[in-house]
PDB file of all heavy atoms in Angstrom:
ATOM      1  N   LYS A   1     -10.961  -7.783  -7.381  1.00  0.00           N
ATOM      2  CA  LYS A   1     -11.714  -8.209  -8.559  1.00  0.00           C
ATOM      3  C   LYS A   1     -12.487  -9.496  -8.251  1.00  0.00           C
ATOM      4  O   LYS A   1     -13.581  -9.727  -8.763  1.00  0.00           O
ATOM      5  CB  LYS A   1     -10.768  -8.441  -9.746  1.00  0.00           C
ATOM      6  CG  LYS A   1     -10.168  -7.187 -10.364  1.00  0.00           C
ATOM      7  CD  LYS A   1     -11.119  -6.526 -11.327  1.00  0.00           C
ATOM      8  CE  LYS A   1     -10.448  -5.426 -12.130  1.00  0.00           C
ATOM      9  NZ  LYS A   1     -11.370  -4.768 -13.080  1.00  0.00           N
ATOM     10  N   GLU A   2     -11.897 -10.311  -7.375  1.00  0.00           N
ATOM     11  CA  GLU A   2     -12.530 -11.588  -7.036  1.00  0.00           C
ATOM     12  C   GLU A   2     -13.822 -11.419  -6.231  1.00  0.00           C
ATOM     13  O   GLU A   2     -14.542 -12.402  -6.031  1.00  0.00           O
ATOM     14  CB  GLU A   2     -11.543 -12.457  -6.242  1.00  0.00           C
ATOM     15  CG  GLU A   2     -10.418 -12.995  -7.110  1.00  0.00           C
ATOM     16  CD  GLU A   2      -9.429 -13.835  -6.325  1.00  0.00           C
ATOM     17  OE1 GLU A   2      -9.189 -13.539  -5.131  1.00  0.00           O
ATOM     18  OE2 GLU A   2      -8.893 -14.807  -6.913  1.00  0.00           O
ATOM     19  N   LEU A   3     -14.138 -10.209  -5.805  1.00  0.00           N
ATOM     20  CA  LEU A   3     -15.424  -9.975  -5.141  1.00  0.00           C
ATOM     21  C   LEU A   3     -16.592 -10.316  -6.059  1.00  0.00           C
ATOM     22  O   LEU A   3     -17.710 -10.543  -5.594  1.00  0.00           O
ATOM     23  CB  LEU A   3     -15.532  -8.513  -4.702  1.00  0.00           C
ATOM     24  CG  LEU A   3     -14.580  -8.058  -3.580  1.00  0.00           C
ATOM     25  CD1 LEU A   3     -14.633  -6.545  -3.431  1.00  0.00           C
ATOM     26  CD2 LEU A   3     -14.932  -8.753  -2.268  1.00  0.00           C
ATOM     27  N   GLY A   4     -16.333 -10.364  -7.371  1.00  0.00           N
ATOM     28  CA  GLY A   4     -17.391 -10.661  -8.326  1.00  0.00           C
ATOM     29  C   GLY A   4     -17.331 -12.054  -8.912  1.00  0.00           C
ATOM     30  O   GLY A   4     -17.890 -12.299  -9.994  1.00  0.00           O
ATOM     31  N   ARG A   5     -16.710 -12.984  -8.226  1.00  0.00           N
ATOM     32  CA  ARG A   5     -16.602 -14.354  -8.767  1.00  0.00           C
ATOM     33  C   ARG A   5     -17.966 -14.983  -9.024  1.00  0.00           C
ATOM     34  O   ARG A   5     -18.129 -15.747  -9.973  1.00  0.00           O
ATOM     35  CB  ARG A   5     -15.807 -15.249  -7.807  1.00  0.00           C
ATOM     36  CG  ARG A   5     -14.313 -15.196  -8.043  1.00  0.00           C
ATOM     37  CD  ARG A   5     -13.594 -16.352  -7.388  1.00  0.00           C
ATOM     38  NE  ARG A   5     -12.172 -16.321  -7.671  1.00  0.00           N
ATOM     39  CZ  ARG A   5     -11.612 -16.870  -8.743  1.00  0.00           C
ATOM     40  NH1 ARG A   5     -12.367 -17.480  -9.647  1.00  0.00           N
ATOM     41  NH2 ARG A   5     -10.306 -16.807  -8.903  1.00  0.00           N
ATOM     42  N   GLU A   6     -18.943 -14.674  -8.204  1.00  0.00           N
ATOM     43  CA  GLU A   6     -20.264 -15.282  -8.356  1.00  0.00           C
ATOM     44  C   GLU A   6     -21.246 -14.382  -9.086  1.00  0.00           C
ATOM     45  O   GLU A   6     -22.372 -14.786  -9.362  1.00  0.00           O
ATOM     46  CB  GLU A   6     -20.833 -15.637  -6.969  1.00  0.00           C
ATOM     47  CG  GLU A   6     -19.927 -16.498  -6.113  1.00  0.00           C
ATOM     48  CD  GLU A   6     -19.562 -17.804  -6.797  1.00  0.00           C
ATOM     49  OE1 GLU A   6     -20.438 -18.386  -7.480  1.00  0.00           O
ATOM     50  OE2 GLU A   6     -18.398 -18.234  -6.649  1.00  0.00           O
ATOM     51  N   ASP A   7     -20.803 -13.147  -9.400  1.00  0.00           N
ATOM     52  CA  ASP A   7     -21.717 -12.175 -10.013  1.00  0.00           C
ATOM     53  C   ASP A   7     -20.884 -11.103 -10.694  1.00  0.00           C
ATOM     54  O   ASP A   7     -20.250 -10.276 -10.029  1.00  0.00           O
ATOM     55  CB  ASP A   7     -22.614 -11.557  -8.934  1.00  0.00           C
ATOM     56  CG  ASP A   7     -23.556 -10.480  -9.472  1.00  0.00           C
ATOM     57  OD1 ASP A   7     -23.462 -10.131 -10.665  1.00  0.00           O
ATOM     58  OD2 ASP A   7     -24.372  -9.971  -8.676  1.00  0.00           O
ATOM     59  N   PHE A   8     -20.858 -11.123 -12.020  1.00  0.00           N
ATOM     60  CA  PHE A   8     -19.997 -10.214 -12.774  1.00  0.00           C
ATOM     61  C   PHE A   8     -20.256  -8.749 -12.447  1.00  0.00           C
ATOM     62  O   PHE A   8     -19.353  -7.911 -12.537  1.00  0.00           O
ATOM     63  CB  PHE A   8     -20.166 -10.443 -14.280  1.00  0.00           C
ATOM     64  CG  PHE A   8     -21.458  -9.904 -14.839  1.00  0.00           C
ATOM     65  CD1 PHE A   8     -21.533  -8.616 -15.358  1.00  0.00           C
ATOM     66  CD2 PHE A   8     -22.617 -10.685 -14.855  1.00  0.00           C
ATOM     67  CE1 PHE A   8     -22.722  -8.118 -15.879  1.00  0.00           C
ATOM     68  CE2 PHE A   8     -23.808 -10.192 -15.362  1.00  0.00           C
ATOM     69  CZ  PHE A   8     -23.866  -8.899 -15.879  1.00  0.00           C
ATOM     70  N   SER A   9     -21.487  -8.410 -12.049  1.00  0.00           N
ATOM     71  CA  SER A   9     -21.805  -7.007 -11.781  1.00  0.00           C
ATOM     72  C   SER A   9     -21.152  -6.507 -10.491  1.00  0.00           C
ATOM     73  O   SER A   9     -21.168  -5.302 -10.206  1.00  0.00           O
ATOM     74  CB  SER A   9     -23.317  -6.796 -11.708  1.00  0.00           C
ATOM     75  OG  SER A   9     -23.877  -7.436 -10.567  1.00  0.00           O
ATOM     76  N   GLN A  10     -20.554  -7.415  -9.713  1.00  0.00           N
ATOM     77  CA  GLN A  10     -19.858  -7.034  -8.486  1.00  0.00           C
ATOM     78  C   GLN A  10     -18.345  -6.945  -8.680  1.00  0.00           C
ATOM     79  O   GLN A  10     -17.618  -6.662  -7.726  1.00  0.00           O
ATOM     80  CB  GLN A  10     -20.175  -8.042  -7.370  1.00  0.00           C
ATOM     81  CG  GLN A  10     -21.646  -8.129  -7.021  1.00  0.00           C
ATOM     82  CD  GLN A  10     -22.226  -6.779  -6.632  1.00  0.00           C
ATOM     83  OE1 GLN A  10     -21.684  -6.102  -5.749  1.00  0.00           O
ATOM     84  NE2 GLN A  10     -23.307  -6.379  -7.285  1.00  0.00           N
ATOM     85  N   ILE A  11     -17.886  -7.173  -9.900  1.00  0.00           N
ATOM     86  CA  ILE A  11     -16.455  -7.012 -10.186  1.00  0.00           C
ATOM     87  C   ILE A  11     -16.154  -5.519 -10.255  1.00  0.00           C
ATOM     88  O   ILE A  11     -16.757  -4.808 -11.070  1.00  0.00           O
ATOM     89  CB  ILE A  11     -16.070  -7.676 -11.517  1.00  0.00           C
ATOM     90  CG1 ILE A  11     -16.372  -9.173 -11.501  1.00  0.00           C
ATOM     91  CG2 ILE A  11     -14.581  -7.446 -11.826  1.00  0.00           C
ATOM     92  CD1 ILE A  11     -16.232  -9.847 -12.860  1.00  0.00           C
ATOM     93  N   PRO A  12     -15.254  -4.984  -9.437  1.00  0.00           N
ATOM     94  CA  PRO A  12     -14.925  -3.565  -9.533  1.00  0.00           C
ATOM     95  C   PRO A  12     -14.441  -3.218 -10.939  1.00  0.00           C
ATOM     96  O   PRO A  12     -13.581  -3.903 -11.497  1.00  0.00           O
ATOM     97  CB  PRO A  12     -13.820  -3.387  -8.496  1.00  0.00           C
ATOM     98  CG  PRO A  12     -14.045  -4.470  -7.501  1.00  0.00           C
ATOM     99  CD  PRO A  12     -14.541  -5.634  -8.315  1.00  0.00           C
ATOM    100  N   ASN A  13     -14.998  -2.167 -11.489  1.00  0.00           N
ATOM    101  CA  ASN A  13     -14.702  -1.771 -12.864  1.00  0.00           C
ATOM    102  C   ASN A  13     -13.464  -0.896 -12.935  1.00  0.00           C
ATOM    103  O   ASN A  13     -13.418   0.169 -12.304  1.00  0.00           O
ATOM    104  CB  ASN A  13     -15.881  -0.978 -13.444  1.00  0.00           C
ATOM    105  CG  ASN A  13     -16.995  -1.854 -13.983  1.00  0.00           C
ATOM    106  OD1 ASN A  13     -17.574  -1.574 -15.014  1.00  0.00           O
ATOM    107  ND2 ASN A  13     -17.303  -2.921 -13.267  1.00  0.00           N
ATOM    108  N   GLY A  14     -12.476  -1.321 -13.694  1.00  0.00           N
ATOM    109  CA  GLY A  14     -11.303  -0.487 -13.901  1.00  0.00           C
ATOM    110  C   GLY A  14     -10.047  -1.310 -14.078  1.00  0.00           C
ATOM    111  O   GLY A  14      -9.975  -2.473 -13.664  1.00  0.00           O
ATOM    112  N   ILE A  15      -9.041  -0.690 -14.726  1.00  0.00           N
ATOM    113  CA  ILE A  15      -7.745  -1.344 -14.929  1.00  0.00           C
ATOM    114  C   ILE A  15      -6.624  -0.337 -14.663  1.00  0.00           C
ATOM    115  O   ILE A  15      -6.827   0.873 -14.754  1.00  0.00           O
ATOM    116  CB  ILE A  15      -7.599  -1.913 -16.361  1.00  0.00           C
ATOM    117  CG1 ILE A  15      -7.698  -0.798 -17.419  1.00  0.00           C
ATOM    118  CG2 ILE A  15      -8.606  -3.010 -16.629  1.00  0.00           C
ATOM    119  CD1 ILE A  15      -7.361  -1.272 -18.818  1.00  0.00           C
ATOM    120  N   PRO A  16      -5.423  -0.845 -14.359  1.00  0.00           N
ATOM    121  CA  PRO A  16      -4.266   0.038 -14.243  1.00  0.00           C
ATOM    122  C   PRO A  16      -3.709   0.389 -15.619  1.00  0.00           C
ATOM    123  O   PRO A  16      -3.910  -0.357 -16.571  1.00  0.00           O
ATOM    124  CB  PRO A  16      -3.270  -0.808 -13.441  1.00  0.00           C
ATOM    125  CG  PRO A  16      -3.631  -2.231 -13.766  1.00  0.00           C
ATOM    126  CD  PRO A  16      -5.114  -2.247 -14.004  1.00  0.00           C
ATOM    127  N   GLY A  17      -3.016   1.525 -15.707  1.00  0.00           N
ATOM    128  CA  GLY A  17      -2.439   1.892 -17.004  1.00  0.00           C
ATOM    129  C   GLY A  17      -1.599   3.148 -17.017  1.00  0.00           C
ATOM    130  O   GLY A  17      -0.967   3.454 -18.014  1.00  0.00           O
ATOM    131  N   VAL A  18      -1.557   3.900 -15.903  1.00  0.00           N
ATOM    132  CA  VAL A  18      -0.915   5.211 -15.924  1.00  0.00           C
ATOM    133  C   VAL A  18       0.579   5.137 -16.236  1.00  0.00           C
ATOM    134  O   VAL A  18       1.151   6.063 -16.804  1.00  0.00           O
ATOM    135  CB  VAL A  18      -1.150   5.939 -14.577  1.00  0.00           C
ATOM    136  CG1 VAL A  18      -0.332   5.329 -13.452  1.00  0.00           C
ATOM    137  CG2 VAL A  18      -0.885   7.423 -14.702  1.00  0.00           C
ATOM    138  N   GLU A  19       1.202   4.027 -15.905  1.00  0.00           N
ATOM    139  CA  GLU A  19       2.649   3.907 -16.088  1.00  0.00           C
ATOM    140  C   GLU A  19       3.048   3.662 -17.535  1.00  0.00           C
ATOM    141  O   GLU A  19       4.051   4.203 -18.012  1.00  0.00           O
ATOM    142  CB  GLU A  19       3.188   2.771 -15.206  1.00  0.00           C
ATOM    143  CG  GLU A  19       4.695   2.591 -15.283  1.00  0.00           C
ATOM    144  CD  GLU A  19       5.207   1.654 -14.204  1.00  0.00           C
ATOM    145  OE1 GLU A  19       4.417   1.247 -13.315  1.00  0.00           O
ATOM    146  OE2 GLU A  19       6.405   1.328 -14.229  1.00  0.00           O
ATOM    147  N   HIS A  20       2.266   2.865 -18.245  1.00  0.00           N
ATOM    148  CA  HIS A  20       2.719   2.361 -19.544  1.00  0.00           C
ATOM    149  C   HIS A  20       2.144   3.089 -20.750  1.00  0.00           C
ATOM    150  O   HIS A  20       2.505   2.783 -21.884  1.00  0.00           O
ATOM    151  CB  HIS A  20       2.396   0.864 -19.640  1.00  0.00           C
ATOM    152  CG  HIS A  20       3.035   0.043 -18.573  1.00  0.00           C
ATOM    153  ND1 HIS A  20       2.312  -0.713 -17.675  1.00  0.00           N
ATOM    154  CD2 HIS A  20       4.335  -0.096 -18.214  1.00  0.00           C
ATOM    155  CE1 HIS A  20       3.140  -1.324 -16.840  1.00  0.00           C
ATOM    156  NE2 HIS A  20       4.365  -0.951 -17.132  1.00  0.00           N
ATOM    157  N   ARG A  21       1.241   4.039 -20.533  1.00  0.00           N
ATOM    158  CA  ARG A  21       0.571   4.722 -21.645  1.00  0.00           C
ATOM    159  C   ARG A  21       1.546   5.275 -22.691  1.00  0.00           C
ATOM    160  O   ARG A  21       1.414   4.976 -23.895  1.00  0.00           O
ATOM    161  CB  ARG A  21      -0.316   5.836 -21.089  1.00  0.00           C
ATOM    162  CG  ARG A  21      -1.019   6.689 -22.145  1.00  0.00           C
ATOM    163  CD  ARG A  21      -1.741   7.864 -21.515  1.00  0.00           C
ATOM    164  NE  ARG A  21      -0.811   8.723 -20.798  1.00  0.00           N
ATOM    165  CZ  ARG A  21      -0.834  10.048 -20.820  1.00  0.00           C
ATOM    166  NH1 ARG A  21      -1.763  10.677 -21.510  1.00  0.00           N
ATOM    167  NH2 ARG A  21       0.039  10.751 -20.135  1.00  0.00           N
ATOM    168  N   PRO A  22       2.564   6.086 -22.332  1.00  0.00           N
ATOM    169  CA  PRO A  22       3.404   6.676 -23.374  1.00  0.00           C
ATOM    170  C   PRO A  22       4.164   5.647 -24.206  1.00  0.00           C
ATOM    171  O   PRO A  22       4.191   5.738 -25.440  1.00  0.00           O
ATOM    172  CB  PRO A  22       4.351   7.587 -22.590  1.00  0.00           C
ATOM    173  CG  PRO A  22       3.581   7.943 -21.352  1.00  0.00           C
ATOM    174  CD  PRO A  22       2.861   6.682 -21.009  1.00  0.00           C
ATOM    175  N   VAL A  23       4.777   4.657 -23.552  1.00  0.00           N
ATOM    176  CA  VAL A  23       5.566   3.699 -24.328  1.00  0.00           C
ATOM    177  C   VAL A  23       4.672   2.789 -25.164  1.00  0.00           C
ATOM    178  O   VAL A  23       5.031   2.410 -26.292  1.00  0.00           O
ATOM    179  CB  VAL A  23       6.503   2.886 -23.408  1.00  0.00           C
ATOM    180  CG1 VAL A  23       5.741   1.879 -22.552  1.00  0.00           C
ATOM    181  CG2 VAL A  23       7.578   2.179 -24.235  1.00  0.00           C
ATOM    182  N   LEU A  24       3.495   2.445 -24.661  1.00  0.00           N
ATOM    183  CA  LEU A  24       2.577   1.634 -25.454  1.00  0.00           C
ATOM    184  C   LEU A  24       2.122   2.386 -26.705  1.00  0.00           C
ATOM    185  O   LEU A  24       2.055   1.819 -27.797  1.00  0.00           O
ATOM    186  CB  LEU A  24       1.370   1.232 -24.615  1.00  0.00           C
ATOM    187  CG  LEU A  24       1.615   0.189 -23.520  1.00  0.00           C
ATOM    188  CD1 LEU A  24       0.383   0.068 -22.627  1.00  0.00           C
ATOM    189  CD2 LEU A  24       1.997  -1.167 -24.109  1.00  0.00           C
ATOM    190  N   LEU A  25       1.816   3.660 -26.546  1.00  0.00           N
ATOM    191  CA  LEU A  25       1.348   4.437 -27.696  1.00  0.00           C
ATOM    192  C   LEU A  25       2.486   4.761 -28.642  1.00  0.00           C
ATOM    193  O   LEU A  25       2.278   4.824 -29.867  1.00  0.00           O
ATOM    194  CB  LEU A  25       0.662   5.712 -27.211  1.00  0.00           C
ATOM    195  CG  LEU A  25      -0.664   5.460 -26.496  1.00  0.00           C
ATOM    196  CD1 LEU A  25      -1.179   6.730 -25.852  1.00  0.00           C
ATOM    197  CD2 LEU A  25      -1.706   4.901 -27.463  1.00  0.00           C
ATOM    198  N   TYR A  26       3.687   4.955 -28.117  1.00  0.00           N
ATOM    199  CA  TYR A  26       4.829   5.134 -29.019  1.00  0.00           C
ATOM    200  C   TYR A  26       5.040   3.864 -29.842  1.00  0.00           C
ATOM    201  O   TYR A  26       5.243   3.917 -31.059  1.00  0.00           O
ATOM    202  CB  TYR A  26       6.103   5.466 -28.238  1.00  0.00           C
ATOM    203  CG  TYR A  26       7.257   5.764 -29.170  1.00  0.00           C
ATOM    204  CD1 TYR A  26       7.469   7.046 -29.639  1.00  0.00           C
ATOM    205  CD2 TYR A  26       8.094   4.747 -29.626  1.00  0.00           C
ATOM    206  CE1 TYR A  26       8.491   7.315 -30.535  1.00  0.00           C
ATOM    207  CE2 TYR A  26       9.112   4.995 -30.520  1.00  0.00           C
ATOM    208  CZ  TYR A  26       9.308   6.282 -30.975  1.00  0.00           C
ATOM    209  OH  TYR A  26      10.309   6.534 -31.873  1.00  0.00           O
ATOM    210  N   THR A  27       4.944   2.720 -29.170  1.00  0.00           N
ATOM    211  CA  THR A  27       5.152   1.439 -29.856  1.00  0.00           C
ATOM    212  C   THR A  27       4.096   1.205 -30.936  1.00  0.00           C
ATOM    213  O   THR A  27       4.413   0.926 -32.092  1.00  0.00           O
ATOM    214  CB  THR A  27       5.123   0.288 -28.842  1.00  0.00           C
ATOM    215  OG1 THR A  27       6.148   0.489 -27.867  1.00  0.00           O
ATOM    216  CG2 THR A  27       5.312  -1.060 -29.524  1.00  0.00           C
ATOM    217  N   ALA A  28       2.828   1.300 -30.536  1.00  0.00           N
ATOM    218  CA  ALA A  28       1.729   0.975 -31.449  1.00  0.00           C
ATOM    219  C   ALA A  28       1.470   2.084 -32.458  1.00  0.00           C
ATOM    220  O   ALA A  28       0.933   1.825 -33.539  1.00  0.00           O
ATOM    221  CB  ALA A  28       0.458   0.699 -30.655  1.00  0.00           C
ATOM    222  N   GLY A  29       1.832   3.316 -32.113  1.00  0.00           N
ATOM    223  CA  GLY A  29       1.546   4.445 -32.986  1.00  0.00           C
ATOM    224  C   GLY A  29       2.729   4.908 -33.800  1.00  0.00           C
ATOM    225  O   GLY A  29       2.737   4.829 -35.026  1.00  0.00           O
ATOM    226  N   VAL A  30       3.784   5.353 -33.123  1.00  0.00           N
ATOM    227  CA  VAL A  30       4.929   5.952 -33.820  1.00  0.00           C
ATOM    228  C   VAL A  30       5.820   4.886 -34.446  1.00  0.00           C
ATOM    229  O   VAL A  30       6.139   4.943 -35.644  1.00  0.00           O
ATOM    230  CB  VAL A  30       5.735   6.847 -32.859  1.00  0.00           C
ATOM    231  CG1 VAL A  30       6.925   7.486 -33.592  1.00  0.00           C
ATOM    232  CG2 VAL A  30       4.843   7.928 -32.257  1.00  0.00           C
TER     233      VAL A  30
END
């Protein structure tokens, strides 16, 4: 991500999330 420190358009786009999706949605939803 730090590849874009001088230029936001060079920050690789994306985040992690595959592990926590079910428990986060159970928490916030159910």
